[in-house]
């Protein structure tokens, strides 16, 4: 091993708001450094730290659009779409594609977080 993954960081216009969104999705806790509010972390959610970093002039990716690729996305395992989808939508997510309705073998749906980053809810075994 060369290195251990410490965090995944997402650029956004409002780090605190995006961290609160992901903390609600994952059950994590928002950690704000009082001396640096441009970097906010979500911790204690049984996963790698998810950091939200202020980016002036942030332009979200457009999905699906090869001219403006998503660059990366996050996958979150859920027990069912019927239970999880209304919850993430209530938190401010936007449904981008019900992939499972187009492809019978698909076990994911695509959403955008409040800052426009694509993420998937995936129904998969534990």
C-alpha atoms as a PDB file:
ATOM      1  CA  UNK A   1       0.000   0.000   0.000  1.00  0.00           C
ATOM      2  CA  UNK A   2       1.286   3.437  -0.917  1.00  0.00           C
ATOM      3  CA  UNK A   3      -1.375   5.566   0.752  1.00  0.00           C
ATOM      4  CA  UNK A   4      -4.643   5.445   2.647  1.00  0.00           C
ATOM      5  CA  UNK A   5      -7.627   7.397   1.329  1.00  0.00           C
ATOM      6  CA  UNK A   6      -8.336  10.176   3.822  1.00  0.00           C
ATOM      7  CA  UNK A   7     -11.213  12.048   2.202  1.00  0.00           C
ATOM      8  CA  UNK A   8     -13.230  12.694  -0.909  1.00  0.00           C
ATOM      9  CA  UNK A   9     -13.675  16.430  -1.483  1.00  0.00           C
ATOM     10  CA  UNK A  10     -16.445  18.089  -3.464  1.00  0.00           C
ATOM     11  CA  UNK A  11     -16.228  21.656  -4.734  1.00  0.00           C
ATOM     12  CA  UNK A  12     -19.364  23.691  -4.042  1.00  0.00           C
ATOM     13  CA  UNK A  13     -20.604  27.217  -3.406  1.00  0.00           C
ATOM     14  CA  UNK A  14     -21.753  26.561   0.203  1.00  0.00           C
ATOM     15  CA  UNK A  15     -19.692  23.923   2.066  1.00  0.00           C
ATOM     16  CA  UNK A  16     -21.805  23.935   5.230  1.00  0.00           C
ATOM     17  CA  UNK A  17     -25.085  23.430   3.356  1.00  0.00           C
ATOM     18  CA  UNK A  18     -23.688  20.606   1.220  1.00  0.00           C
ATOM     19  CA  UNK A  19     -22.125  18.926   4.264  1.00  0.00           C
ATOM     20  CA  UNK A  20     -25.469  19.089   6.072  1.00  0.00           C
ATOM     21  CA  UNK A  21     -27.128  17.423   3.062  1.00  0.00           C
ATOM     22  CA  UNK A  22     -24.629  14.538   3.054  1.00  0.00           C
ATOM     23  CA  UNK A  23     -24.672  14.236   6.849  1.00  0.00           C
ATOM     24  CA  UNK A  24     -28.444  13.747   6.672  1.00  0.00           C
ATOM     25  CA  UNK A  25     -28.058  11.176   3.855  1.00  0.00           C
ATOM     26  CA  UNK A  26     -25.325   9.156   5.605  1.00  0.00           C
ATOM     27  CA  UNK A  27     -26.094   9.702   9.283  1.00  0.00           C
ATOM     28  CA  UNK A  28     -22.780  11.472   9.659  1.00  0.00           C
ATOM     29  CA  UNK A  29     -21.780  14.491  11.645  1.00  0.00           C
ATOM     30  CA  UNK A  30     -20.812  17.918  10.245  1.00  0.00           C
ATOM     31  CA  UNK A  31     -17.401  19.093  11.405  1.00  0.00           C
ATOM     32  CA  UNK A  32     -16.528  22.767  10.865  1.00  0.00           C
ATOM     33  CA  UNK A  33     -13.142  24.253  11.668  1.00  0.00           C
ATOM     34  CA  UNK A  34     -13.963  27.665  13.203  1.00  0.00           C
ATOM     35  CA  UNK A  35     -10.878  29.094  11.484  1.00  0.00           C
ATOM     36  CA  UNK A  36     -11.657  27.697   8.020  1.00  0.00           C
ATOM     37  CA  UNK A  37     -15.346  27.577   7.040  1.00  0.00           C
ATOM     38  CA  UNK A  38     -14.334  26.996   3.393  1.00  0.00           C
ATOM     39  CA  UNK A  39     -13.644  23.298   4.232  1.00  0.00           C
ATOM     40  CA  UNK A  40     -16.394  21.351   6.022  1.00  0.00           C
ATOM     41  CA  UNK A  41     -16.268  17.603   6.665  1.00  0.00           C
ATOM     42  CA  UNK A  42     -18.842  14.870   7.162  1.00  0.00           C
ATOM     43  CA  UNK A  43     -17.520  12.208   9.544  1.00  0.00           C
ATOM     44  CA  UNK A  44     -18.651   9.237  11.616  1.00  0.00           C
ATOM     45  CA  UNK A  45     -20.809   7.679   8.935  1.00  0.00           C
ATOM     46  CA  UNK A  46     -19.001   4.337   8.582  1.00  0.00           C
ATOM     47  CA  UNK A  47     -17.072   5.593   5.571  1.00  0.00           C
ATOM     48  CA  UNK A  48     -14.304   7.819   4.279  1.00  0.00           C
ATOM     49  CA  UNK A  49     -14.486  11.469   5.264  1.00  0.00           C
ATOM     50  CA  UNK A  50     -16.549  13.450   2.782  1.00  0.00           C
ATOM     51  CA  UNK A  51     -15.314  17.031   2.573  1.00  0.00           C
ATOM     52  CA  UNK A  52     -17.092  20.002   1.023  1.00  0.00           C
ATOM     53  CA  UNK A  53     -14.786  22.751  -0.207  1.00  0.00           C
ATOM     54  CA  UNK A  54     -15.814  26.277  -1.173  1.00  0.00           C
ATOM     55  CA  UNK A  55     -15.170  27.019  -4.831  1.00  0.00           C
ATOM     56  CA  UNK A  56     -15.906  30.521  -6.056  1.00  0.00           C
ATOM     57  CA  UNK A  57     -17.737  30.402  -9.364  1.00  0.00           C
ATOM     58  CA  UNK A  58     -18.566  26.712  -8.963  1.00  0.00           C
ATOM     59  CA  UNK A  59     -20.348  25.351 -12.037  1.00  0.00           C
ATOM     60  CA  UNK A  60     -21.948  21.949 -11.439  1.00  0.00           C
ATOM     61  CA  UNK A  61     -21.480  19.136 -13.928  1.00  0.00           C
ATOM     62  CA  UNK A  62     -24.302  18.436 -16.374  1.00  0.00           C
ATOM     63  CA  UNK A  63     -25.404  14.827 -16.436  1.00  0.00           C
ATOM     64  CA  UNK A  64     -25.461  13.127 -18.838  1.00  0.00           C
ATOM     65  CA  UNK A  65     -23.452  15.464 -21.031  1.00  0.00           C
ATOM     66  CA  UNK A  66     -20.113  14.343 -22.483  1.00  0.00           C
ATOM     67  CA  UNK A  67     -19.114  17.975 -23.033  1.00  0.00           C
ATOM     68  CA  UNK A  68     -19.422  18.660 -19.273  1.00  0.00           C
ATOM     69  CA  UNK A  69     -18.642  15.334 -17.617  1.00  0.00           C
ATOM     70  CA  UNK A  70     -19.515  14.529 -14.045  1.00  0.00           C
ATOM     71  CA  UNK A  71     -15.815  13.860 -13.230  1.00  0.00           C
ATOM     72  CA  UNK A  72     -16.824  11.653 -10.272  1.00  0.00           C
ATOM     73  CA  UNK A  73     -19.933  10.561  -8.445  1.00  0.00           C
ATOM     74  CA  UNK A  74     -20.781   8.916  -5.138  1.00  0.00           C
ATOM     75  CA  UNK A  75     -22.750   5.681  -4.719  1.00  0.00           C
ATOM     76  CA  UNK A  76     -24.825   5.046  -1.587  1.00  0.00           C
ATOM     77  CA  UNK A  77     -26.216   1.605  -0.788  1.00  0.00           C
ATOM     78  CA  UNK A  78     -29.871   1.640   0.295  1.00  0.00           C
ATOM     79  CA  UNK A  79     -32.409  -1.045   1.151  1.00  0.00           C
ATOM     80  CA  UNK A  80     -35.041   0.276  -1.260  1.00  0.00           C
ATOM     81  CA  UNK A  81     -35.689   3.197  -3.578  1.00  0.00           C
ATOM     82  CA  UNK A  82     -39.201   3.553  -2.192  1.00  0.00           C
ATOM     83  CA  UNK A  83     -37.822   4.327   1.249  1.00  0.00           C
ATOM     84  CA  UNK A  84     -34.677   6.301   0.372  1.00  0.00           C
ATOM     85  CA  UNK A  85     -35.765   8.381  -2.618  1.00  0.00           C
ATOM     86  CA  UNK A  86     -38.394  10.547  -0.857  1.00  0.00           C
ATOM     87  CA  UNK A  87     -35.884  11.230   1.909  1.00  0.00           C
ATOM     88  CA  UNK A  88     -33.064  12.475  -0.357  1.00  0.00           C
ATOM     89  CA  UNK A  89     -35.540  14.514  -2.414  1.00  0.00           C
ATOM     90  CA  UNK A  90     -36.840  16.146   0.783  1.00  0.00           C
ATOM     91  CA  UNK A  91     -33.243  17.074   1.650  1.00  0.00           C
ATOM     92  CA  UNK A  92     -32.833  18.913  -1.653  1.00  0.00           C
ATOM     93  CA  UNK A  93     -31.634  16.252  -4.107  1.00  0.00           C
ATOM     94  CA  UNK A  94     -32.940  16.207  -7.682  1.00  0.00           C
ATOM     95  CA  UNK A  95     -33.813  13.012  -9.516  1.00  0.00           C
ATOM     96  CA  UNK A  96     -31.812  12.825 -12.759  1.00  0.00           C
ATOM     97  CA  UNK A  97     -32.645   9.331 -14.007  1.00  0.00           C
ATOM     98  CA  UNK A  98     -34.622   6.296 -12.904  1.00  0.00           C
ATOM     99  CA  UNK A  99     -32.138   3.947 -14.539  1.00  0.00           C
ATOM    100  CA  UNK A 100     -33.886   0.902 -13.096  1.00  0.00           C
ATOM    101  CA  UNK A 101     -37.030   1.748 -15.080  1.00  0.00           C
ATOM    102  CA  UNK A 102     -35.088   1.788 -18.372  1.00  0.00           C
ATOM    103  CA  UNK A 103     -32.917  -1.255 -17.716  1.00  0.00           C
ATOM    104  CA  UNK A 104     -34.421  -4.230 -15.866  1.00  0.00           C
ATOM    105  CA  UNK A 105     -30.978  -5.303 -14.599  1.00  0.00           C
ATOM    106  CA  UNK A 106     -30.088  -1.864 -13.186  1.00  0.00           C
ATOM    107  CA  UNK A 107     -30.039  -1.501  -9.417  1.00  0.00           C
ATOM    108  CA  UNK A 108     -29.323   2.247  -9.233  1.00  0.00           C
ATOM    109  CA  UNK A 109     -30.980   5.615  -9.716  1.00  0.00           C
ATOM    110  CA  UNK A 110     -29.130   8.851 -10.430  1.00  0.00           C
ATOM    111  CA  UNK A 111     -29.648  12.091  -8.486  1.00  0.00           C
ATOM    112  CA  UNK A 112     -27.911  15.450  -8.085  1.00  0.00           C
ATOM    113  CA  UNK A 113     -27.057  16.883  -4.685  1.00  0.00           C
ATOM    114  CA  UNK A 114     -28.030  20.508  -3.923  1.00  0.00           C
ATOM    115  CA  UNK A 115     -24.763  21.742  -5.495  1.00  0.00           C
ATOM    116  CA  UNK A 116     -25.376  19.706  -8.675  1.00  0.00           C
ATOM    117  CA  UNK A 117     -22.976  16.768  -8.144  1.00  0.00           C
ATOM    118  CA  UNK A 118     -24.394  13.472  -9.435  1.00  0.00           C
ATOM    119  CA  UNK A 119     -24.758  10.599  -6.969  1.00  0.00           C
ATOM    120  CA  UNK A 120     -26.487   7.242  -7.080  1.00  0.00           C
ATOM    121  CA  UNK A 121     -28.669   5.320  -4.707  1.00  0.00           C
ATOM    122  CA  UNK A 122     -27.910   1.640  -5.216  1.00  0.00           C
ATOM    123  CA  UNK A 123     -30.065  -1.241  -4.000  1.00  0.00           C
ATOM    124  CA  UNK A 124     -27.505  -3.937  -3.232  1.00  0.00           C
ATOM    125  CA  UNK A 125     -27.095  -6.749  -0.723  1.00  0.00           C
ATOM    126  CA  UNK A 126     -25.336  -5.880   2.546  1.00  0.00           C
END
